[in-house]
C-alpha cells in the first residue's frame, strides 16, 4: 500500500509557459496575512499611513535574496553542476535566518530614512513576521522538504495527523518526522503569545527581542530532528549555533538596554 502513495503536486497551476508553485503561493499568503496583522496594529500605534506597505516593498525582496544567499553560502556544492539553479527558489532552498537578517537590516535603514523608531516598528511587526513563517512552512510541506528522521506510520498516526500529511511524509520509501509542522505550530503559538504580550506593555524593543528568543528556542530543538540541516565548519548545525547566539544575545540585549536606560519607553507609548 505504501508504495502506491503519491505525493501532492507541488505545481498549483500552469498558465502557458508560466508555472505557479504552491511553495510561492504559500509564502506569498503568509506575507500577505502577516501584513494585514501588522498594518492594523501600525495604524493603532500611530505609524504613518502606508508606512508598512512601503517598508514591505523593500523588506520582502531583501528577505528573499538574503534567504537564498544564506542557503547557497552553506550548500554551494548543491549548485556546482548547474549554477543557474541558484535562482530557482520555487524549488525550495531558502533559509529563514538569512531572510530575517536581510529584512532587519533593510528595516533599520528604512526607519532611519523615514525618521521612525526602529524598535517601535520591530515590536509592531514581530507577530506578523512569525505568522508569515508559520504559514510559509507549508510551502516546505508541499515540496517534501524540512522533515526529520525516519519514523513509522503508526507514530504519525499516534499524533492524530490527517491522512494527507501522513502520506506527504512518505518520501523515498519511508516515513519521516513532519518537522515543518512542528515549527509551524510553534510559530502559530508564538503569534498568540506576542499578541497577548501587547497587553503586558513591555518596554520598547522587547516584543521583537522576545520574538527572536522564542523562535530561536523552538528552532534549536526542532533543528536537532531535521535531516536537511545546513552545517557550519562541517559538523555544527548552523541554525542551532545561530539560535544559541540569538537566545543569549537577546537576553543580554534586554539587560543592557534596561541598565543603559535605552528602553524607557513602553510598547503602548505613541511617541
Protein backbone atom coordinates (compact mmCIF):
# COMPACT_ATOMS: atom_id res chain seq x y z
CA UNK A 1 0.00 0.00 0.00
CA UNK A 2 2.75 2.44 0.96
CA UNK A 3 4.42 2.06 -2.43
CA UNK A 4 1.31 3.40 -4.14
CA UNK A 5 1.24 6.65 -2.16
CA UNK A 6 1.59 9.62 -4.46
CA UNK A 7 2.94 12.92 -3.12
CA UNK A 8 0.94 16.10 -3.55
CA UNK A 9 1.70 18.00 -6.72
CA UNK A 10 3.96 20.99 -5.91
CA UNK A 11 2.60 22.75 -9.01
CA UNK A 12 -0.57 24.74 -8.31
CA UNK A 13 -1.34 25.64 -11.92
CA UNK A 14 0.24 26.17 -15.30
CA UNK A 15 -0.62 29.21 -17.38
CA UNK A 16 1.06 28.62 -20.72
CA UNK A 17 4.81 28.98 -20.13
CA UNK A 18 4.19 30.15 -16.56
CA UNK A 19 4.26 27.55 -13.80
CA UNK A 20 2.89 28.57 -10.40
CA UNK A 21 4.11 26.53 -7.43
CA UNK A 22 2.36 26.03 -4.11
CA UNK A 23 5.65 26.95 -2.45
CA UNK A 24 5.46 30.51 -3.76
CA UNK A 25 1.73 30.80 -3.16
CA UNK A 26 2.01 29.79 0.49
CA UNK A 27 4.97 32.05 1.18
CA UNK A 28 3.09 34.89 -0.52
CA UNK A 29 -0.04 34.10 1.51
CA UNK A 30 1.97 34.15 4.72
CA UNK A 31 3.48 37.52 3.82
CA UNK A 32 0.05 38.95 2.94
CA UNK A 33 -1.69 37.78 6.13
CA UNK A 34 1.28 38.93 8.17
CA UNK A 35 0.99 42.34 6.51
CA UNK A 36 -2.72 42.60 7.37
CA UNK A 37 -2.00 41.78 11.01
CA UNK A 38 0.87 44.26 11.21
CA UNK A 39 -0.81 47.07 9.27
CA UNK A 40 -3.83 47.06 11.57
CA UNK A 41 -1.62 47.37 14.63
CA UNK A 42 0.58 50.00 12.96
CA UNK A 43 -2.43 52.26 12.46
CA UNK A 44 -3.44 51.81 16.12
CA UNK A 45 0.10 52.68 17.22
CA UNK A 46 0.17 55.86 15.13
CA UNK A 47 2.58 54.95 12.35
CA UNK A 48 2.15 56.94 9.11
CA UNK A 49 -0.35 55.68 6.52
CA UNK A 50 1.18 53.19 4.07
CA UNK A 51 4.34 53.01 6.20
CA UNK A 52 4.19 49.21 6.50
CA UNK A 53 3.30 48.75 2.81
CA UNK A 54 6.24 50.94 1.78
CA UNK A 55 8.55 49.06 4.14
CA UNK A 56 7.50 45.71 2.69
CA UNK A 57 8.30 46.90 -0.84
CA UNK A 58 11.94 46.88 0.24
CA UNK A 59 11.95 44.28 3.01
CA UNK A 60 10.32 41.38 1.12
CA UNK A 61 12.72 41.38 -1.87
CA UNK A 62 15.64 41.84 0.52
CA UNK A 63 14.41 38.92 2.66
CA UNK A 64 14.08 36.61 -0.36
CA UNK A 65 17.54 37.50 -1.61
CA UNK A 66 19.04 37.20 1.86
CA UNK A 67 17.36 33.85 2.46
CA UNK A 68 18.72 32.44 -0.78
CA UNK A 69 22.24 33.82 -0.32
CA UNK A 70 22.39 32.37 3.20
CA UNK A 71 21.32 28.95 1.92
CA UNK A 72 23.74 28.97 -1.03
CA UNK A 73 26.67 30.02 1.17
CA UNK A 74 26.27 26.90 3.30
CA UNK A 75 25.42 24.48 0.46
CA UNK A 76 27.44 25.65 -2.56
CA UNK A 77 28.01 22.09 -3.82
CA UNK A 78 24.28 21.73 -4.46
CA UNK A 79 24.56 24.26 -7.30
CA UNK A 80 28.01 23.37 -8.64
CA UNK A 81 26.76 21.36 -11.63
CA UNK A 82 24.08 23.87 -12.59
CA UNK A 83 24.93 27.35 -11.22
CA UNK A 84 21.84 28.91 -12.79
CA UNK A 85 19.72 26.85 -10.40
CA UNK A 86 20.74 29.32 -7.69
CA UNK A 87 17.83 31.38 -8.98
CA UNK A 88 15.27 28.52 -8.86
CA UNK A 89 13.87 29.48 -5.47
CA UNK A 90 10.49 27.88 -6.28
CA UNK A 91 12.22 24.52 -5.85
CA UNK A 92 12.93 25.38 -2.23
CA UNK A 93 16.22 26.13 -0.55
CA UNK A 94 15.79 29.39 1.33
CA UNK A 95 16.79 29.94 4.95
CA UNK A 96 14.63 31.88 7.40
CA UNK A 97 17.67 33.18 9.27
CA UNK A 98 19.03 34.72 6.09
CA UNK A 99 15.65 36.33 5.42
CA UNK A 100 15.48 37.79 8.93
CA UNK A 101 19.00 39.22 8.79
CA UNK A 102 18.34 40.93 5.46
CA UNK A 103 14.89 42.16 6.49
CA UNK A 104 16.12 43.61 9.80
CA UNK A 105 18.96 45.49 8.10
CA UNK A 106 16.54 46.81 5.48
CA UNK A 107 14.00 47.86 8.13
CA UNK A 108 16.67 49.64 10.17
CA UNK A 109 17.79 51.66 7.15
CA UNK A 110 14.19 52.38 6.13
CA UNK A 111 13.25 53.60 9.61
CA UNK A 112 16.33 55.83 9.76
CA UNK A 113 15.39 57.43 6.43
CA UNK A 114 11.76 57.90 7.47
CA UNK A 115 12.60 59.18 10.94
CA UNK A 116 10.55 56.47 12.66
CA UNK A 117 11.70 54.44 15.67
CA UNK A 118 13.15 51.13 14.52
CA UNK A 119 12.34 49.41 17.81
CA UNK A 120 8.74 50.59 17.72
CA UNK A 121 8.43 49.28 14.16
CA UNK A 122 10.13 46.00 15.07
CA UNK A 123 7.76 45.44 18.00
CA UNK A 124 4.71 46.06 15.85
CA UNK A 125 5.86 43.76 13.06
CA UNK A 126 7.02 40.83 15.24
CA UNK A 127 3.69 38.90 15.36
CA UNK A 128 3.20 39.36 11.60
CA UNK A 129 6.68 38.04 10.83
CA UNK A 130 6.03 34.94 12.91
CA UNK A 131 2.63 34.44 11.26
CA UNK A 132 4.29 34.57 7.86
CA UNK A 133 6.82 31.96 8.97
CA UNK A 134 4.06 29.69 10.32
CA UNK A 135 2.18 29.71 7.02
CA UNK A 136 5.28 29.68 4.83
CA UNK A 137 6.42 26.37 6.34
CA UNK A 138 3.53 24.71 4.50
CA UNK A 139 5.35 25.56 1.29
CA UNK A 140 8.11 23.25 2.53
CA UNK A 141 5.42 20.64 3.14
CA UNK A 142 4.30 20.82 -0.50
CA UNK A 143 7.90 20.42 -1.64
CA UNK A 144 8.50 17.48 0.74
CA UNK A 145 11.37 19.24 2.48
CA UNK A 146 12.19 20.33 6.04
CA UNK A 147 11.47 16.91 7.51
CA UNK A 148 13.14 14.96 10.28
CA UNK A 149 14.43 11.48 10.89
CA UNK A 150 12.68 8.29 9.85
CA UNK A 151 9.62 7.18 11.83
CA UNK A 152 6.88 4.60 11.46
CA UNK A 153 3.45 5.25 10.02
CA UNK A 154 1.97 4.24 13.37
CA UNK A 155 3.98 7.02 15.04
CA UNK A 156 2.50 9.61 12.69
CA UNK A 157 -0.97 8.19 13.25
CA UNK A 158 -0.43 8.47 17.01
CA UNK A 159 -0.07 12.24 16.51
CA UNK A 160 -3.61 12.28 15.09
CA UNK A 161 -2.36 13.77 11.85
CA UNK A 162 -4.71 13.89 8.85
CA UNK A 163 -4.06 11.39 6.10
CA UNK A 164 -2.76 13.96 3.61
CA UNK A 165 0.06 14.96 5.96
CA UNK A 166 0.98 11.35 6.75
CA UNK A 167 1.08 10.49 3.05
CA UNK A 168 3.18 13.55 2.21
CA UNK A 169 5.70 12.45 4.82
CA UNK A 170 6.24 9.21 2.88
CA UNK A 171 9.45 10.01 0.99
CA UNK A 172 11.67 7.58 -0.93
CA UNK A 173 10.09 4.55 0.70
CA UNK A 174 9.97 5.69 4.32
CA UNK A 175 8.02 7.95 6.68
CA UNK A 176 9.65 10.95 8.35
CA UNK A 177 9.08 13.42 11.17
CA UNK A 178 6.95 16.36 9.91
CA UNK A 179 9.32 18.95 11.36
CA UNK A 180 7.80 21.58 9.10
CA UNK A 181 4.58 21.04 11.09
CA UNK A 182 6.33 21.21 14.46
CA UNK A 183 7.84 24.56 13.55
CA UNK A 184 4.59 25.85 12.06
CA UNK A 185 2.64 25.02 15.22
CA UNK A 186 5.36 26.51 17.41
CA UNK A 187 5.18 29.69 15.34
CA UNK A 188 1.37 29.89 15.49
CA UNK A 189 1.57 29.57 19.27
CA UNK A 190 4.18 32.32 19.27
CA UNK A 191 1.85 34.65 17.37
CA UNK A 192 -0.77 34.18 20.10
CA UNK A 193 1.87 34.81 22.78
CA UNK A 194 3.10 38.03 21.18
CA UNK A 195 -0.41 39.36 20.72
CA UNK A 196 -1.07 38.67 24.40
CA UNK A 197 2.15 40.44 25.38
CA UNK A 198 0.83 43.65 23.87
CA UNK A 199 -1.34 43.92 26.99
CA UNK A 200 1.67 43.47 29.23
CA UNK A 201 3.11 46.66 27.70
CA UNK A 202 6.72 45.55 27.56
CA UNK A 203 9.46 48.08 27.18
CA UNK A 204 10.03 49.20 23.63
CA UNK A 205 12.10 46.71 21.65
CA UNK A 206 11.39 43.80 23.96
CA UNK A 207 8.46 42.48 21.94
CA UNK A 208 10.75 41.95 18.95
CA UNK A 209 13.55 40.56 21.08
CA UNK A 210 11.07 38.17 22.71
CA UNK A 211 10.06 37.00 19.23
CA UNK A 212 13.70 36.34 18.36
CA UNK A 213 14.28 34.40 21.59
CA UNK A 214 11.02 32.45 21.32
CA UNK A 215 11.55 31.39 17.71
CA UNK A 216 15.18 30.50 18.39
CA UNK A 217 14.24 28.20 21.28
CA UNK A 218 11.87 26.25 19.04
CA UNK A 219 14.33 26.18 16.16
CA UNK A 220 17.12 24.98 18.43
CA UNK A 221 15.09 21.92 19.41
CA UNK A 222 13.46 21.19 16.06
CA UNK A 223 16.71 21.56 14.13
CA UNK A 224 18.04 18.60 16.12
CA UNK A 225 15.39 16.42 14.49
CA UNK A 226 15.78 17.66 10.92
CA UNK A 227 17.81 15.82 8.30
CA UNK A 228 18.28 18.65 5.77
CA UNK A 229 20.23 21.00 8.01
CA UNK A 230 23.00 23.39 6.98
CA UNK A 231 26.42 22.81 8.51
CA UNK A 232 28.99 25.21 9.92
CA UNK A 233 32.63 24.06 9.84
CA UNK A 234 31.38 20.74 8.52
CA UNK A 235 29.93 19.43 11.78
CA UNK A 236 27.90 22.12 13.60
CA UNK A 237 24.28 22.68 12.65
CA UNK A 238 24.22 26.30 11.56
CA UNK A 239 20.68 27.04 12.71
CA UNK A 240 21.38 25.64 16.18
CA UNK A 241 24.56 27.69 16.57
CA UNK A 242 22.77 30.84 15.46
CA UNK A 243 19.79 30.05 17.68
CA UNK A 244 22.02 29.80 20.76
CA UNK A 245 23.68 33.09 19.82
CA UNK A 246 20.30 34.78 19.37
CA UNK A 247 18.88 33.44 22.63
CA UNK A 248 21.88 34.51 24.70
CA UNK A 249 22.29 37.73 22.73
CA UNK A 250 18.60 38.59 23.11
CA UNK A 251 18.66 38.13 26.88
CA UNK A 252 21.85 40.17 27.20
CA UNK A 253 20.43 42.89 24.96
CA UNK A 254 17.32 43.24 27.12
CA UNK A 255 19.50 43.51 30.22
CA UNK A 256 21.88 46.01 28.60
CA UNK A 257 19.14 48.25 27.22
CA UNK A 258 17.42 48.40 30.60
CA UNK A 259 20.61 49.16 32.54
CA UNK A 260 21.70 51.76 29.97
CA UNK A 261 18.33 53.49 30.02
CA UNK A 262 17.70 52.70 26.34
CA UNK A 263 14.37 51.01 26.99
CA UNK A 264 12.44 53.61 28.97
CA UNK A 265 9.53 53.83 26.53
CA UNK A 266 6.80 51.20 26.53
CA UNK A 267 5.13 49.31 23.70
CA UNK A 268 1.89 51.28 24.06
CA UNK A 269 3.60 54.68 24.07
CA UNK A 270 2.52 56.64 21.00
CA UNK A 271 5.66 58.73 20.59
